[in-house]
Amino acid sequence: MSDEPKAPLTTTTSIWPAAVVLGVAVVMLVVFMVINLVANQGVSKLTAAKIPVVVGGLQRDVAPGRALTYCRQGEEVPSNINDAFLVPVGTVARPGAHTPNLGAGDFDCTQPMTTTHASASSLISFFNAQLESRGWNLFSKGASNGDPQSLFQKAGNDGFYWEVGVTVTKSSASSVEWTFQIYQNSQTV
């Protein structure tokens, strides 16, 4: 038995199976791109936000006018917080509005108001319905001194939480005196 050295066997490996797999992948990619182009509905453009309609209770003043002008400061209040500036019909501002910080810290504004032909409970119900329908979170009811009050919170597009408080200070058979307060919470979103 003699084993003579022999040259190794030559085999050829074909690249055609790999090319077929690659070709099928390219064809599938092209087919799905064509389907996407044909079926694509595009990105829908957002229209102006619809103001919710709350049925029942006090009616919203569609043009609150000067009632909350003092606190509605565009350079301080983010655009998505502006929906808090609403009042019921028959509301007027009383003297005594103030901004304690006046730009030297977190924004804080208080405006005393009077609403005629309303009760304390109807005023609080008005704000509960209106602000919650606009994305504000009601997180507290009733002041520590027993006055009717509702406190709301919403994340502003400035990176901070904003809080709105409505507190009834005096109520009679013909009108309700109350305070509107809005402030920027120092806690970030």
Protein backbone atom coordinates (compact mmCIF):
# COMPACT_ATOMS: atom_id res chain seq x y z
CA MET A 1 0.00 0.00 0.00
CA SER A 2 1.50 3.04 -1.07
CA ASP A 3 -0.16 6.28 -0.61
CA GLU A 4 1.08 8.69 -3.05
CA PRO A 5 0.31 12.29 -2.44
CA LYS A 6 -2.46 13.57 -4.63
CA ALA A 7 -3.55 17.05 -5.44
CA PRO A 8 -6.71 18.12 -3.64
CA LEU A 9 -10.00 17.83 -5.41
CA THR A 10 -11.22 21.07 -6.86
CA THR A 11 -14.81 22.01 -6.30
CA THR A 12 -16.44 25.14 -7.53
CA THR A 13 -18.81 27.04 -5.29
CA SER A 14 -21.49 28.92 -7.10
CA ILE A 15 -22.54 32.43 -6.05
CA TRP A 16 -25.90 32.02 -7.79
CA PRO A 17 -27.89 30.86 -4.69
CA ALA A 18 -26.81 33.96 -2.78
CA ALA A 19 -27.62 36.17 -5.75
CA VAL A 20 -31.13 34.66 -5.93
CA VAL A 21 -31.75 35.45 -2.22
CA LEU A 22 -30.50 39.01 -2.73
CA GLY A 23 -32.66 39.38 -5.85
CA VAL A 24 -35.79 38.18 -3.99
CA ALA A 25 -35.08 40.68 -1.18
CA VAL A 26 -34.71 43.57 -3.65
CA VAL A 27 -37.91 42.58 -5.46
CA MET A 28 -39.83 42.42 -2.13
CA LEU A 29 -38.47 45.83 -1.10
CA VAL A 30 -39.54 47.37 -4.40
CA VAL A 31 -43.01 45.77 -4.16
CA PHE A 32 -43.60 47.12 -0.62
CA MET A 33 -42.31 50.58 -1.58
CA VAL A 34 -44.79 50.68 -4.47
CA ILE A 35 -47.61 49.55 -2.14
CA ASN A 36 -46.62 52.27 0.34
CA LEU A 37 -46.63 54.95 -2.36
CA VAL A 38 -50.03 53.88 -3.66
CA ALA A 39 -51.70 53.48 -0.24
CA ASN A 40 -50.01 56.39 1.56
CA GLN A 41 -52.52 58.95 2.80
CA GLY A 42 -49.86 61.37 3.98
CA VAL A 43 -49.65 63.22 7.24
CA SER A 44 -52.81 65.05 8.13
CA LYS A 45 -52.29 68.66 9.10
CA LEU A 46 -53.62 69.70 12.48
CA THR A 47 -56.32 72.30 12.39
CA ALA A 48 -57.02 74.79 15.11
CA ALA A 49 -58.02 73.12 18.33
CA LYS A 50 -61.76 72.85 18.77
CA ILE A 51 -63.15 74.50 21.85
CA PRO A 52 -65.26 71.99 23.75
CA VAL A 53 -68.92 72.73 24.27
CA VAL A 54 -70.10 72.13 27.82
CA VAL A 55 -73.86 71.78 28.11
CA GLY A 56 -75.71 72.94 31.20
CA GLY A 57 -74.79 75.24 34.04
CA LEU A 58 -73.45 78.75 33.59
CA GLN A 59 -72.69 79.86 30.04
CA ARG A 60 -69.13 80.73 29.06
CA ASP A 61 -68.49 84.33 28.07
CA VAL A 62 -67.17 83.92 24.50
CA ALA A 63 -65.33 87.25 24.76
CA PRO A 64 -64.13 87.56 28.36
CA GLY A 65 -62.77 90.99 27.44
CA ARG A 66 -61.01 92.83 30.19
CA ALA A 67 -62.05 90.45 32.98
CA LEU A 68 -58.78 88.49 32.94
CA THR A 69 -56.57 90.83 30.89
CA TYR A 70 -54.35 91.61 33.85
CA CYS A 71 -53.31 87.95 34.28
CA ARG A 72 -53.28 87.08 30.58
CA GLN A 73 -49.70 88.04 29.86
CA GLY A 74 -48.50 86.44 26.62
CA GLU A 75 -44.81 86.78 27.39
CA GLU A 76 -45.24 84.84 30.64
CA VAL A 77 -48.02 82.33 30.02
CA PRO A 78 -47.42 79.51 27.48
CA SER A 79 -49.85 79.16 24.58
CA ASN A 80 -51.31 75.84 25.74
CA ILE A 81 -52.24 77.37 29.11
CA ASN A 82 -54.33 80.20 27.58
CA ASP A 83 -57.44 78.00 27.65
CA ALA A 84 -57.67 78.64 31.42
CA PHE A 85 -58.61 82.28 30.84
CA LEU A 86 -62.37 81.93 30.71
CA VAL A 87 -65.21 83.26 32.77
CA PRO A 88 -68.98 82.78 32.91
CA VAL A 89 -71.34 85.36 31.40
CA GLY A 90 -71.93 88.30 33.76
CA THR A 91 -68.39 88.36 35.18
CA VAL A 92 -66.45 91.57 35.83
CA ALA A 93 -63.03 92.19 37.35
CA ARG A 94 -62.82 93.81 40.78
CA PRO A 95 -59.93 95.99 41.93
CA GLY A 96 -57.02 94.27 43.66
CA ALA A 97 -55.32 92.26 40.91
CA HIS A 98 -51.65 91.66 41.57
CA THR A 99 -48.60 89.71 40.43
CA PRO A 100 -46.44 89.20 43.53
CA ASN A 101 -43.22 88.21 41.73
CA LEU A 102 -43.42 90.68 38.81
CA GLY A 103 -40.99 88.64 36.69
CA ALA A 104 -38.60 87.88 39.54
CA GLY A 105 -39.35 84.16 39.68
CA ASP A 106 -42.25 81.87 38.95
CA PHE A 107 -45.26 83.60 37.38
CA ASP A 108 -48.11 84.21 39.83
CA CYS A 109 -51.22 86.33 39.20
CA THR A 110 -54.38 86.87 41.23
CA GLN A 111 -57.54 88.61 39.97
CA PRO A 112 -60.63 89.24 42.15
CA MET A 113 -63.89 88.81 40.19
CA THR A 114 -67.66 89.15 40.58
CA THR A 115 -70.23 87.07 38.71
CA THR A 116 -73.89 88.04 38.76
CA HIS A 117 -76.82 85.62 38.62
CA ALA A 118 -74.74 82.71 39.91
CA SER A 119 -74.28 80.70 43.07
CA ALA A 120 -71.02 79.50 44.58
CA SER A 121 -71.74 75.90 43.58
CA SER A 122 -72.70 76.83 40.00
CA LEU A 123 -69.48 78.85 39.63
CA ILE A 124 -67.31 75.99 40.90
CA SER A 125 -69.22 73.53 38.67
CA PHE A 126 -68.65 75.85 35.69
CA PHE A 127 -64.86 75.79 36.15
CA ASN A 128 -64.79 72.06 36.93
CA ALA A 129 -66.59 71.27 33.65
CA GLN A 130 -64.85 73.86 31.47
CA LEU A 131 -61.25 73.29 32.60
CA GLU A 132 -61.44 69.50 32.81
CA SER A 133 -62.80 69.39 29.25
CA ARG A 134 -59.72 71.41 28.20
CA GLY A 135 -57.26 68.95 29.72
CA TRP A 136 -56.80 70.49 33.16
CA ASN A 137 -56.55 68.04 36.05
CA LEU A 138 -58.75 68.85 39.07
CA PHE A 139 -56.51 67.92 42.01
CA SER A 140 -58.11 69.66 44.99
CA LYS A 141 -61.56 70.79 46.12
CA GLY A 142 -62.35 73.12 49.02
CA ALA A 143 -60.07 75.62 50.72
CA SER A 144 -58.64 74.99 54.18
CA ASN A 145 -60.92 77.72 55.58
CA GLY A 146 -64.01 76.00 54.14
CA ASP A 147 -64.55 78.33 51.17
CA PRO A 148 -65.64 76.62 47.94
CA GLN A 149 -62.53 76.17 45.83
CA SER A 150 -61.18 74.11 42.93
CA LEU A 151 -57.51 73.76 42.02
CA PHE A 152 -56.40 72.53 38.60
CA GLN A 153 -53.04 71.56 37.12
CA LYS A 154 -51.74 71.22 33.56
CA ALA A 155 -48.32 70.73 32.00
CA GLY A 156 -47.29 73.80 30.03
CA ASN A 157 -45.32 73.65 26.81
CA ASP A 158 -42.63 75.67 28.61
CA GLY A 159 -41.60 72.62 30.66
CA PHE A 160 -43.38 73.59 33.89
CA TYR A 161 -46.66 72.66 35.53
CA TRP A 162 -49.22 75.46 35.74
CA GLU A 163 -51.93 75.68 38.37
CA VAL A 164 -55.24 77.53 38.35
CA GLY A 165 -57.29 78.19 41.45
CA VAL A 166 -60.87 79.42 41.68
CA THR A 167 -61.90 80.37 45.22
CA VAL A 168 -65.29 81.77 46.23
CA THR A 169 -64.78 84.54 48.81
CA LYS A 170 -68.35 85.83 49.23
CA SER A 171 -71.74 84.72 47.98
CA SER A 172 -75.13 86.44 48.02
CA ALA A 173 -78.49 85.79 46.40
CA SER A 174 -77.59 87.95 43.39
CA SER A 175 -73.84 87.47 42.88
CA VAL A 176 -70.66 85.60 43.75
CA GLU A 177 -67.34 87.20 44.57
CA TRP A 178 -64.40 84.97 43.77
CA THR A 179 -60.69 84.98 43.04
CA PHE A 180 -58.97 83.63 39.94
CA GLN A 181 -55.33 82.70 40.50
CA ILE A 182 -52.87 81.26 38.00
CA TYR A 183 -49.27 80.44 38.72
CA GLN A 184 -46.31 78.54 37.38
CA ASN A 185 -45.30 75.68 39.65
CA SER A 186 -41.56 75.50 40.24
CA GLN A 187 -41.63 71.75 39.56
CA THR A 188 -40.72 70.79 36.01
CA VAL A 189 -42.80 68.41 33.92
